[in-house]
Amino acid sequence: MTTTWLEIACDIPAAFVDVVAAYLSDLSGTGVCIENLNVDAFSHAEIDHSPIKTVKAYFSDEEDVDARLREIEQFLHELEFRNPGLCLAMPVMSSVSSEDWSTSWKANFKPLRVGRRLMIVPTWEEVPPSSDDIVLRLDPGMAFGTGGHETTRLCLELLEGIMDDLPTLLIPSVLDLGTGSGILAMAAVRLGAGRVCAVDIDPQAIEVARENLVVNDLADQVECSTTPLEALIETFDIILANILAEELVRMATQLIERLKSGGMLVLSGILAEKEAFVRNGFSQTALEYRETRRDGEWVALLFKRVAAP
């Protein structure tokens, strides 16, 4: 069935894209699409970025979209006020079907190397890997996570480092919270994890993740569900949480309860300006701060649960 959505598009200078994207993601609750120039590059470093990007948010046609449009316009005016000299075009609204939405991003999703060994390849592309590459074939559909976004790349890089530093005989269990396309869960398996649980509150994301697991012959090695964090009862050696900063802080206690003594916690989806907010939210806990990894306007934080005395 084709569902009609209303798309609100904002043309934004690259320096302000992350701020606007975070706001629109919170407002819409469905995530955003960020369009750059047509990309034809194997490495992220080779991409020629446009000075202006289009950030698109999507709303159900049953919502009061005129009110949402006014809210966005007010936000952009306030952004201009806080940044003298900044002049932003006002947002443009149009209709789009879910079928169009779910395929329009494919032109910009190309093979991508992340970290030392990980190679993210769209299911419709063929790229010969090197002998030590770990290839993940991906069709994210309408779920977040192609590896191209900074928050996902940071998680993958930290995960690879954690797995490389583990004792030889330790096969860790992993929780991928907010799995989206399933890319982090798949990477965990291919990097040597044992039990992997991938959870997301969005049933459509879980459906996409399961499809990607099948494509990568990993369907029997990852458990996917919409189980909320508070309903989980087991603990994990590694937890990956790539969601919004405010949600990370809200769930701090529950995240720590699900982390084994000596376990590693990766927090991502954090704008650089909110790093202190998140670190403060986890400061009075049984965690030891280990590292901040940065990419553009985004950061990911690595913590270790202090072993019980």
C-alpha atoms as a PDB file:
ATOM      1  CA  MET A   1       0.000   0.000   0.000  1.00  0.00           C
ATOM      2  CA  THR A   2       1.275   3.467  -0.880  1.00  0.00           C
ATOM      3  CA  THR A   3       1.075   5.962   1.981  1.00  0.00           C
ATOM      4  CA  THR A   4       1.200   9.694   1.326  1.00  0.00           C
ATOM      5  CA  TRP A   5       3.573  11.765   3.443  1.00  0.00           C
ATOM      6  CA  LEU A   6       4.184  15.485   3.497  1.00  0.00           C
ATOM      7  CA  GLU A   7       7.798  16.426   2.986  1.00  0.00           C
ATOM      8  CA  ILE A   8       9.267  19.657   4.367  1.00  0.00           C
ATOM      9  CA  ALA A   9      12.606  20.493   2.762  1.00  0.00           C
ATOM     10  CA  CYS A  10      15.108  23.074   4.025  1.00  0.00           C
ATOM     11  CA  ASP A  11      18.158  24.243   2.067  1.00  0.00           C
ATOM     12  CA  ILE A  12      20.856  24.764   4.692  1.00  0.00           C
ATOM     13  CA  PRO A  13      24.545  25.763   4.610  1.00  0.00           C
ATOM     14  CA  ALA A  14      26.667  22.716   5.415  1.00  0.00           C
ATOM     15  CA  ALA A  15      27.915  24.180   8.709  1.00  0.00           C
ATOM     16  CA  PHE A  16      24.356  24.252  10.114  1.00  0.00           C
ATOM     17  CA  VAL A  17      23.041  20.977   8.694  1.00  0.00           C
ATOM     18  CA  ASP A  18      23.556  18.892  11.835  1.00  0.00           C
ATOM     19  CA  VAL A  19      21.770  21.418  14.043  1.00  0.00           C
ATOM     20  CA  VAL A  20      18.779  21.618  11.700  1.00  0.00           C
ATOM     21  CA  ALA A  21      18.722  17.856  11.126  1.00  0.00           C
ATOM     22  CA  ALA A  22      18.673  17.166  14.868  1.00  0.00           C
ATOM     23  CA  TYR A  23      15.801  19.619  15.356  1.00  0.00           C
ATOM     24  CA  LEU A  24      13.756  18.174  12.476  1.00  0.00           C
ATOM     25  CA  SER A  25      14.400  14.620  13.645  1.00  0.00           C
ATOM     26  CA  ASP A  26      13.045  15.467  17.097  1.00  0.00           C
ATOM     27  CA  LEU A  27      10.067  17.319  15.616  1.00  0.00           C
ATOM     28  CA  SER A  28       9.044  14.657  13.116  1.00  0.00           C
ATOM     29  CA  GLY A  29       9.899  11.537  15.080  1.00  0.00           C
ATOM     30  CA  THR A  30      10.660   9.776  11.795  1.00  0.00           C
ATOM     31  CA  GLY A  31      14.229  10.829  11.095  1.00  0.00           C
ATOM     32  CA  VAL A  32      15.435  13.019   8.270  1.00  0.00           C
ATOM     33  CA  CYS A  33      16.987  12.753   4.836  1.00  0.00           C
ATOM     34  CA  ILE A  34      20.061  14.849   4.028  1.00  0.00           C
ATOM     35  CA  GLU A  35      20.811  15.294   0.341  1.00  0.00           C
ATOM     36  CA  ASN A  36      24.311  16.187  -0.814  1.00  0.00           C
ATOM     37  CA  LEU A  37      25.694  16.381  -4.338  1.00  0.00           C
ATOM     38  CA  ASN A  38      25.368  13.190  -6.375  1.00  0.00           C
ATOM     39  CA  VAL A  39      27.991  10.955  -4.797  1.00  0.00           C
ATOM     40  CA  ASP A  40      30.267   8.699  -6.843  1.00  0.00           C
ATOM     41  CA  ALA A  41      33.140   7.862  -4.523  1.00  0.00           C
ATOM     42  CA  PHE A  42      34.440   4.681  -2.927  1.00  0.00           C
ATOM     43  CA  SER A  43      35.840   6.401   0.152  1.00  0.00           C
ATOM     44  CA  HIS A  44      34.009   8.929   2.327  1.00  0.00           C
ATOM     45  CA  ALA A  45      37.132  11.136   2.144  1.00  0.00           C
ATOM     46  CA  GLU A  46      36.716  11.388  -1.624  1.00  0.00           C
ATOM     47  CA  ILE A  47      33.206  12.868  -1.505  1.00  0.00           C
ATOM     48  CA  ASP A  48      33.002  16.439  -2.794  1.00  0.00           C
ATOM     49  CA  HIS A  49      30.582  18.035  -0.351  1.00  0.00           C
ATOM     50  CA  SER A  50      28.208  20.760  -1.476  1.00  0.00           C
ATOM     51  CA  PRO A  51      28.184  24.038   0.521  1.00  0.00           C
ATOM     52  CA  ILE A  52      24.378  23.814   0.608  1.00  0.00           C
ATOM     53  CA  LYS A  53      22.500  20.662   1.578  1.00  0.00           C
ATOM     54  CA  THR A  54      18.807  19.880   1.621  1.00  0.00           C
ATOM     55  CA  VAL A  55      17.451  18.517   4.884  1.00  0.00           C
ATOM     56  CA  LYS A  56      14.072  16.827   4.520  1.00  0.00           C
ATOM     57  CA  ALA A  57      11.644  15.832   7.257  1.00  0.00           C
ATOM     58  CA  TYR A  58       8.499  13.774   6.758  1.00  0.00           C
ATOM     59  CA  PHE A  59       5.098  14.057   8.413  1.00  0.00           C
ATOM     60  CA  SER A  60       1.906  12.068   8.101  1.00  0.00           C
ATOM     61  CA  ASP A  61      -0.766  13.810   6.045  1.00  0.00           C
ATOM     62  CA  GLU A  62      -3.026  13.363   9.089  1.00  0.00           C
ATOM     63  CA  GLU A  63      -0.912  15.792  11.129  1.00  0.00           C
ATOM     64  CA  ASP A  64      -1.371  19.559  11.328  1.00  0.00           C
ATOM     65  CA  VAL A  65       1.529  20.113   8.957  1.00  0.00           C
ATOM     66  CA  ASP A  66       0.839  23.849   8.618  1.00  0.00           C
ATOM     67  CA  ALA A  67       1.562  24.168  12.332  1.00  0.00           C
ATOM     68  CA  ARG A  68       4.750  22.136  11.921  1.00  0.00           C
ATOM     69  CA  LEU A  69       5.776  24.369   9.022  1.00  0.00           C
ATOM     70  CA  ARG A  70       5.330  27.462  11.199  1.00  0.00           C
ATOM     71  CA  GLU A  71       7.417  25.857  13.959  1.00  0.00           C
ATOM     72  CA  ILE A  72      10.218  25.120  11.497  1.00  0.00           C
ATOM     73  CA  GLU A  73      10.105  28.655  10.104  1.00  0.00           C
ATOM     74  CA  GLN A  74      10.351  30.048  13.648  1.00  0.00           C
ATOM     75  CA  PHE A  75      13.324  27.774  14.388  1.00  0.00           C
ATOM     76  CA  LEU A  76      15.118  28.965  11.240  1.00  0.00           C
ATOM     77  CA  HIS A  77      14.461  32.616  12.126  1.00  0.00           C
ATOM     78  CA  GLU A  78      15.913  32.030  15.595  1.00  0.00           C
ATOM     79  CA  LEU A  79      18.943  30.337  14.043  1.00  0.00           C
ATOM     80  CA  GLU A  80      19.470  33.402  11.852  1.00  0.00           C
ATOM     81  CA  PHE A  81      19.143  35.678  14.887  1.00  0.00           C
ATOM     82  CA  ARG A  82      21.797  33.700  16.796  1.00  0.00           C
ATOM     83  CA  ASN A  83      24.156  33.781  13.799  1.00  0.00           C
ATOM     84  CA  PRO A  84      24.401  37.316  12.360  1.00  0.00           C
ATOM     85  CA  GLY A  85      24.851  37.296   8.600  1.00  0.00           C
ATOM     86  CA  LEU A  86      23.160  33.930   8.162  1.00  0.00           C
ATOM     87  CA  CYS A  87      20.327  34.045   5.632  1.00  0.00           C
ATOM     88  CA  LEU A  88      18.218  30.915   5.267  1.00  0.00           C
ATOM     89  CA  ALA A  89      15.656  30.046   2.628  1.00  0.00           C
ATOM     90  CA  MET A  90      12.275  29.203   4.081  1.00  0.00           C
ATOM     91  CA  PRO A  91      11.164  25.545   4.005  1.00  0.00           C
ATOM     92  CA  VAL A  92       9.230  24.084   1.085  1.00  0.00           C
ATOM     93  CA  MET A  93       6.411  21.563   1.548  1.00  0.00           C
ATOM     94  CA  SER A  94       5.406  18.857  -0.941  1.00  0.00           C
ATOM     95  CA  SER A  95       3.707  15.451  -1.048  1.00  0.00           C
ATOM     96  CA  VAL A  96       5.646  12.216  -1.463  1.00  0.00           C
ATOM     97  CA  SER A  97       4.565   8.584  -1.418  1.00  0.00           C
ATOM     98  CA  SER A  98       6.284   6.085   0.862  1.00  0.00           C
ATOM     99  CA  GLU A  99       7.335   4.099  -2.213  1.00  0.00           C
ATOM    100  CA  ASP A 100       9.178   7.136  -3.622  1.00  0.00           C
ATOM    101  CA  TRP A 101      10.675   7.956  -0.227  1.00  0.00           C
ATOM    102  CA  SER A 102      12.007   4.451   0.345  1.00  0.00           C
ATOM    103  CA  THR A 103      14.024   4.399  -2.904  1.00  0.00           C
ATOM    104  CA  SER A 104      15.046   8.010  -3.606  1.00  0.00           C
ATOM    105  CA  TRP A 105      18.196   7.884  -1.438  1.00  0.00           C
ATOM    106  CA  LYS A 106      19.768   5.030  -3.431  1.00  0.00           C
ATOM    107  CA  ALA A 107      21.506   7.357  -5.881  1.00  0.00           C
ATOM    108  CA  ASN A 108      23.719   8.630  -3.039  1.00  0.00           C
ATOM    109  CA  PHE A 109      24.475   5.342  -1.285  1.00  0.00           C
ATOM    110  CA  LYS A 110      27.796   3.983  -2.570  1.00  0.00           C
ATOM    111  CA  PRO A 111      30.322   1.436  -1.250  1.00  0.00           C
ATOM    112  CA  LEU A 112      32.145   2.765   1.785  1.00  0.00           C
ATOM    113  CA  ARG A 113      35.142   1.714   3.859  1.00  0.00           C
ATOM    114  CA  VAL A 114      34.932   2.236   7.613  1.00  0.00           C
ATOM    115  CA  GLY A 115      37.783   1.651  10.032  1.00  0.00           C
ATOM    116  CA  ARG A 116      40.495  -0.801   8.976  1.00  0.00           C
ATOM    117  CA  ARG A 117      38.496  -3.735   7.673  1.00  0.00           C
ATOM    118  CA  LEU A 118      34.810  -2.954   7.394  1.00  0.00           C
ATOM    119  CA  MET A 119      33.366  -2.454   3.945  1.00  0.00           C
ATOM    120  CA  ILE A 120      29.721  -1.389   3.536  1.00  0.00           C
ATOM    121  CA  VAL A 121      28.327  -2.319   0.124  1.00  0.00           C
ATOM    122  CA  PRO A 122      24.769  -1.652  -1.163  1.00  0.00           C
ATOM    123  CA  THR A 123      22.986  -4.817  -2.166  1.00  0.00           C
ATOM    124  CA  TRP A 124      22.703  -3.546  -5.755  1.00  0.00           C
ATOM    125  CA  GLU A 125      26.475  -2.870  -6.098  1.00  0.00           C
ATOM    126  CA  GLU A 126      29.333  -5.293  -6.809  1.00  0.00           C
ATOM    127  CA  VAL A 127      32.785  -4.390  -5.459  1.00  0.00           C
ATOM    128  CA  PRO A 128      35.670  -6.890  -5.159  1.00  0.00           C
ATOM    129  CA  PRO A 129      36.878  -6.879  -1.533  1.00  0.00           C
ATOM    130  CA  SER A 130      40.452  -7.271  -0.359  1.00  0.00           C
ATOM    131  CA  SER A 131      41.426 -10.504   1.375  1.00  0.00           C
ATOM    132  CA  ASP A 132      41.031  -9.124   4.925  1.00  0.00           C
ATOM    133  CA  ASP A 133      37.902  -7.029   4.307  1.00  0.00           C
ATOM    134  CA  ILE A 134      34.743  -7.680   6.308  1.00  0.00           C
ATOM    135  CA  VAL A 135      31.945  -7.036   3.811  1.00  0.00           C
ATOM    136  CA  LEU A 136      28.471  -6.040   4.963  1.00  0.00           C
ATOM    137  CA  ARG A 137      25.850  -5.899   2.236  1.00  0.00           C
ATOM    138  CA  LEU A 138      23.126  -3.426   3.053  1.00  0.00           C
ATOM    139  CA  ASP A 139      19.754  -2.156   1.894  1.00  0.00           C
ATOM    140  CA  PRO A 140      18.655   0.229   4.672  1.00  0.00           C
ATOM    141  CA  GLY A 141      15.267   0.982   3.109  1.00  0.00           C
ATOM    142  CA  MET A 142      13.498   3.448   5.417  1.00  0.00           C
ATOM    143  CA  ALA A 143      15.636   2.545   8.462  1.00  0.00           C
ATOM    144  CA  PHE A 144      18.583   4.620   9.662  1.00  0.00           C
ATOM    145  CA  GLY A 145      22.121   3.332   9.131  1.00  0.00           C
ATOM    146  CA  THR A 146      24.088   3.099   5.888  1.00  0.00           C
ATOM    147  CA  GLY A 147      27.485   3.680   7.478  1.00  0.00           C
ATOM    148  CA  GLY A 148      27.696   7.021   5.695  1.00  0.00           C
ATOM    149  CA  HIS A 149      26.421   9.091   8.600  1.00  0.00           C
ATOM    150  CA  GLU A 150      29.034  10.199  11.111  1.00  0.00           C
ATOM    151  CA  THR A 151      27.225   8.668  14.091  1.00  0.00           C
ATOM    152  CA  THR A 152      27.147   5.204  12.515  1.00  0.00           C
ATOM    153  CA  ARG A 153      30.772   5.400  11.348  1.00  0.00           C
ATOM    154  CA  LEU A 154      31.917   6.401  14.826  1.00  0.00           C
ATOM    155  CA  CYS A 155      30.114   3.391  16.330  1.00  0.00           C
ATOM    156  CA  LEU A 156      31.652   1.037  13.782  1.00  0.00           C
ATOM    157  CA  GLU A 157      35.148   2.399  14.392  1.00  0.00           C
ATOM    158  CA  LEU A 158      34.824   2.096  18.172  1.00  0.00           C
ATOM    159  CA  LEU A 159      33.308  -1.376  17.890  1.00  0.00           C
ATOM    160  CA  GLU A 160      36.180  -2.560  15.708  1.00  0.00           C
ATOM    161  CA  GLY A 161      38.695  -1.206  18.229  1.00  0.00           C
ATOM    162  CA  ILE A 162      36.897  -2.859  21.163  1.00  0.00           C
ATOM    163  CA  MET A 163      36.787  -6.216  19.397  1.00  0.00           C
ATOM    164  CA  ASP A 164      40.465  -6.020  18.440  1.00  0.00           C
ATOM    165  CA  ASP A 165      41.456  -5.352  22.077  1.00  0.00           C
ATOM    166  CA  LEU A 166      39.473  -8.199  23.622  1.00  0.00           C
ATOM    167  CA  PRO A 167      41.282 -11.210  25.091  1.00  0.00           C
ATOM    168  CA  THR A 168      41.711 -13.928  22.491  1.00  0.00           C
ATOM    169  CA  LEU A 169      39.331 -16.422  24.081  1.00  0.00           C
ATOM    170  CA  LEU A 170      36.553 -13.958  24.976  1.00  0.00           C
ATOM    171  CA  ILE A 171      33.527 -14.094  22.697  1.00  0.00           C
ATOM    172  CA  PRO A 172      31.443 -11.095  23.774  1.00  0.00           C
ATOM    173  CA  SER A 173      27.692 -10.654  23.828  1.00  0.00           C
ATOM    174  CA  VAL A 174      26.441  -7.448  22.207  1.00  0.00           C
ATOM    175  CA  LEU A 175      23.304  -5.328  22.486  1.00  0.00           C
ATOM    176  CA  ASP A 176      22.599  -3.007  19.543  1.00  0.00           C
ATOM    177  CA  LEU A 177      20.062  -0.509  20.885  1.00  0.00           C
ATOM    178  CA  GLY A 178      18.188   1.361  18.137  1.00  0.00           C
ATOM    179  CA  THR A 179      19.476  -1.011  15.488  1.00  0.00           C
ATOM    180  CA  GLY A 180      17.897   0.726  12.458  1.00  0.00           C
ATOM    181  CA  SER A 181      19.202  -1.107   9.402  1.00  0.00           C
ATOM    182  CA  GLY A 182      21.008  -3.652  11.567  1.00  0.00           C
ATOM    183  CA  ILE A 183      24.442  -2.546  10.409  1.00  0.00           C
ATOM    184  CA  LEU A 184      26.042  -2.452  13.875  1.00  0.00           C
ATOM    185  CA  ALA A 185      24.660  -5.844  14.848  1.00  0.00           C
ATOM    186  CA  MET A 186      25.949  -7.377  11.620  1.00  0.00           C
ATOM    187  CA  ALA A 187      29.366  -5.803  12.095  1.00  0.00           C
ATOM    188  CA  ALA A 188      29.499  -7.178  15.650  1.00  0.00           C
ATOM    189  CA  VAL A 189      28.909 -10.735  14.414  1.00  0.00           C
ATOM    190  CA  ARG A 190      31.452 -10.461  11.626  1.00  0.00           C
ATOM    191  CA  LEU A 191      34.017  -9.015  14.054  1.00  0.00           C
ATOM    192  CA  GLY A 192      33.655 -12.045  16.321  1.00  0.00           C
ATOM    193  CA  ALA A 193      30.784 -11.438  18.755  1.00  0.00           C
ATOM    194  CA  GLY A 194      28.750 -14.318  20.108  1.00  0.00           C
ATOM    195  CA  ARG A 195      25.202 -13.550  21.184  1.00  0.00           C
ATOM    196  CA  VAL A 196      23.936 -10.363  19.489  1.00  0.00           C
ATOM    197  CA  CYS A 197      20.582  -8.738  20.263  1.00  0.00           C
ATOM    198  CA  ALA A 198      19.312  -5.974  17.972  1.00  0.00           C
ATOM    199  CA  VAL A 199      16.362  -3.969  19.261  1.00  0.00           C
ATOM    200  CA  ASP A 200      14.435  -1.003  17.911  1.00  0.00           C
ATOM    201  CA  ILE A 201      11.114   0.551  18.892  1.00  0.00           C
ATOM    202  CA  ASP A 202      10.244   0.925  15.186  1.00  0.00           C
ATOM    203  CA  PRO A 203       8.775  -2.322  13.776  1.00  0.00           C
ATOM    204  CA  GLN A 204       9.665  -1.219  10.247  1.00  0.00           C
ATOM    205  CA  ALA A 205      13.322  -0.899  11.244  1.00  0.00           C
ATOM    206  CA  ILE A 206      13.276  -4.432  12.643  1.00  0.00           C
ATOM    207  CA  GLU A 207      11.789  -5.693   9.376  1.00  0.00           C
ATOM    208  CA  VAL A 208      14.584  -3.983   7.417  1.00  0.00           C
ATOM    209  CA  ALA A 209      17.247  -5.303   9.800  1.00  0.00           C
ATOM    210  CA  ARG A 210      15.962  -8.857   9.395  1.00  0.00           C
ATOM    211  CA  GLU A 211      16.054  -8.530   5.605  1.00  0.00           C
ATOM    212  CA  ASN A 212      19.665  -7.330   5.763  1.00  0.00           C
ATOM    213  CA  LEU A 213      20.577 -10.211   8.065  1.00  0.00           C
ATOM    214  CA  VAL A 214      19.210 -12.658   5.511  1.00  0.00           C
ATOM    215  CA  VAL A 215      21.216 -11.013   2.715  1.00  0.00           C
ATOM    216  CA  ASN A 216      24.374 -11.404   4.799  1.00  0.00           C
ATOM    217  CA  ASP A 217      23.596 -14.989   5.921  1.00  0.00           C
ATOM    218  CA  LEU A 218      23.382 -13.817   9.533  1.00  0.00           C
ATOM    219  CA  ALA A 219      19.703 -14.415  10.247  1.00  0.00           C
ATOM    220  CA  ASP A 220      20.473 -17.193  12.748  1.00  0.00           C
ATOM    221  CA  GLN A 221      23.133 -15.173  14.583  1.00  0.00           C
ATOM    222  CA  VAL A 222      21.243 -12.005  15.558  1.00  0.00           C
ATOM    223  CA  GLU A 223      18.038 -11.795  17.571  1.00  0.00           C
ATOM    224  CA  CYS A 224      15.886  -8.861  16.393  1.00  0.00           C
ATOM    225  CA  SER A 225      12.944  -7.493  18.334  1.00  0.00           C
ATOM    226  CA  THR A 226      11.035  -4.393  19.385  1.00  0.00           C
ATOM    227  CA  THR A 227      11.671  -5.223  23.050  1.00  0.00           C
ATOM    228  CA  PRO A 228      12.201  -1.964  24.969  1.00  0.00           C
ATOM    229  CA  LEU A 229      15.382  -1.576  26.992  1.00  0.00           C
ATOM    230  CA  GLU A 230      13.533  -1.666  30.311  1.00  0.00           C
ATOM    231  CA  ALA A 231      12.083  -5.085  29.445  1.00  0.00           C
ATOM    232  CA  LEU A 232      15.463  -6.725  28.806  1.00  0.00           C
ATOM    233  CA  ILE A 233      16.689  -8.877  31.674  1.00  0.00           C
ATOM    234  CA  GLU A 234      20.107 -10.155  30.549  1.00  0.00           C
ATOM    235  CA  THR A 235      23.417  -8.325  30.595  1.00  0.00           C
ATOM    236  CA  PHE A 236      25.927  -7.774  27.792  1.00  0.00           C
ATOM    237  CA  ASP A 237      29.675  -7.380  27.351  1.00  0.00           C
ATOM    238  CA  ILE A 238      29.198  -4.576  24.802  1.00  0.00           C
ATOM    239  CA  ILE A 239      26.295  -2.164  24.358  1.00  0.00           C
ATOM    240  CA  LEU A 240      25.997   0.078  21.289  1.00  0.00           C
ATOM    241  CA  ALA A 241      23.471   2.899  21.619  1.00  0.00           C
ATOM    242  CA  ASN A 242      23.260   5.197  18.609  1.00  0.00           C
ATOM    243  CA  ILE A 243      20.274   7.381  19.476  1.00  0.00           C
ATOM    244  CA  LEU A 244      19.600  10.970  20.592  1.00  0.00           C
ATOM    245  CA  ALA A 245      21.611  12.574  23.412  1.00  0.00           C
ATOM    246  CA  GLU A 246      18.555  13.250  25.554  1.00  0.00           C
ATOM    247  CA  GLU A 247      17.399   9.641  25.271  1.00  0.00           C
ATOM    248  CA  LEU A 248      20.840   8.342  26.193  1.00  0.00           C
ATOM    249  CA  VAL A 249      20.835  10.368  29.400  1.00  0.00           C
ATOM    250  CA  ARG A 250      17.259   9.375  30.200  1.00  0.00           C
ATOM    251  CA  MET A 251      18.182   5.693  29.884  1.00  0.00           C
ATOM    252  CA  ALA A 252      21.555   5.926  31.663  1.00  0.00           C
ATOM    253  CA  THR A 253      20.575   3.793  34.655  1.00  0.00           C
ATOM    254  CA  GLN A 254      18.962   1.108  32.502  1.00  0.00           C
ATOM    255  CA  LEU A 255      21.927   0.989  30.134  1.00  0.00           C
ATOM    256  CA  ILE A 256      24.347   0.468  33.003  1.00  0.00           C
ATOM    257  CA  GLU A 257      22.129  -2.235  34.528  1.00  0.00           C
ATOM    258  CA  ARG A 258      22.328  -4.153  31.242  1.00  0.00           C
ATOM    259  CA  LEU A 259      26.150  -3.843  31.025  1.00  0.00           C
ATOM    260  CA  LYS A 260      28.331  -6.548  32.560  1.00  0.00           C
ATOM    261  CA  SER A 261      31.135  -5.690  34.968  1.00  0.00           C
ATOM    262  CA  GLY A 262      34.099  -4.750  32.798  1.00  0.00           C
ATOM    263  CA  GLY A 263      31.798  -4.277  29.801  1.00  0.00           C
ATOM    264  CA  MET A 264      32.116  -1.533  27.184  1.00  0.00           C
ATOM    265  CA  LEU A 265      29.416   1.040  26.393  1.00  0.00           C
ATOM    266  CA  VAL A 266      29.405   3.047  23.138  1.00  0.00           C
ATOM    267  CA  LEU A 267      27.128   6.102  23.048  1.00  0.00           C
ATOM    268  CA  SER A 268      26.581   7.876  19.737  1.00  0.00           C
ATOM    269  CA  GLY A 269      24.049  10.121  17.992  1.00  0.00           C
ATOM    270  CA  ILE A 270      25.465  13.021  20.023  1.00  0.00           C
ATOM    271  CA  LEU A 271      26.035  16.493  18.620  1.00  0.00           C
ATOM    272  CA  ALA A 272      29.413  17.838  19.740  1.00  0.00           C
ATOM    273  CA  GLU A 273      27.700  20.664  21.599  1.00  0.00           C
ATOM    274  CA  LYS A 274      25.899  18.072  23.741  1.00  0.00           C
ATOM    275  CA  GLU A 275      28.959  16.029  24.701  1.00  0.00           C
ATOM    276  CA  ALA A 276      29.221  17.643  28.136  1.00  0.00           C
ATOM    277  CA  PHE A 277      25.503  17.088  28.724  1.00  0.00           C
ATOM    278  CA  VAL A 278      25.841  13.355  28.044  1.00  0.00           C
ATOM    279  CA  ARG A 279      29.073  12.946  29.992  1.00  0.00           C
ATOM    280  CA  ASN A 280      27.481  14.687  32.964  1.00  0.00           C
ATOM    281  CA  GLY A 281      24.488  12.392  32.666  1.00  0.00           C
ATOM    282  CA  PHE A 282      26.765   9.357  33.041  1.00  0.00           C
ATOM    283  CA  SER A 283      29.279  10.853  35.504  1.00  0.00           C
ATOM    284  CA  GLN A 284      27.691   9.626  38.748  1.00  0.00           C
ATOM    285  CA  THR A 285      27.589   6.011  37.626  1.00  0.00           C
ATOM    286  CA  ALA A 286      29.682   2.869  37.807  1.00  0.00           C
ATOM    287  CA  LEU A 287      31.335   3.804  34.535  1.00  0.00           C
ATOM    288  CA  GLU A 288      34.849   4.849  33.647  1.00  0.00           C
ATOM    289  CA  TYR A 289      35.091   7.330  30.771  1.00  0.00           C
ATOM    290  CA  ARG A 290      37.573   6.090  28.172  1.00  0.00           C
ATOM    291  CA  GLU A 291      37.388   8.096  24.955  1.00  0.00           C
ATOM    292  CA  THR A 292      35.592  10.634  22.788  1.00  0.00           C
ATOM    293  CA  ARG A 293      35.685   9.963  19.053  1.00  0.00           C
ATOM    294  CA  ARG A 294      34.816  12.908  16.779  1.00  0.00           C
ATOM    295  CA  ASP A 295      33.645  13.256  13.196  1.00  0.00           C
ATOM    296  CA  GLY A 296      32.399  16.631  11.978  1.00  0.00           C
ATOM    297  CA  GLU A 297      29.706  17.962  14.310  1.00  0.00           C
ATOM    298  CA  TRP A 298      29.157  14.576  15.962  1.00  0.00           C
ATOM    299  CA  VAL A 299      30.833  12.649  18.762  1.00  0.00           C
ATOM    300  CA  ALA A 300      30.697   9.134  20.178  1.00  0.00           C
ATOM    301  CA  LEU A 301      31.676   8.316  23.746  1.00  0.00           C
ATOM    302  CA  LEU A 302      33.264   5.130  25.063  1.00  0.00           C
ATOM    303  CA  PHE A 303      32.800   4.018  28.679  1.00  0.00           C
ATOM    304  CA  LYS A 304      33.822   0.925  30.618  1.00  0.00           C
ATOM    305  CA  ARG A 305      31.856  -0.454  33.529  1.00  0.00           C
ATOM    306  CA  VAL A 306      34.125  -0.571  36.567  1.00  0.00           C
ATOM    307  CA  ALA A 307      34.653  -4.100  37.789  1.00  0.00           C
ATOM    308  CA  ALA A 308      33.097  -4.800  41.189  1.00  0.00           C
ATOM    309  CA  PRO A 309      35.674  -4.774  44.032  1.00  0.00           C
END
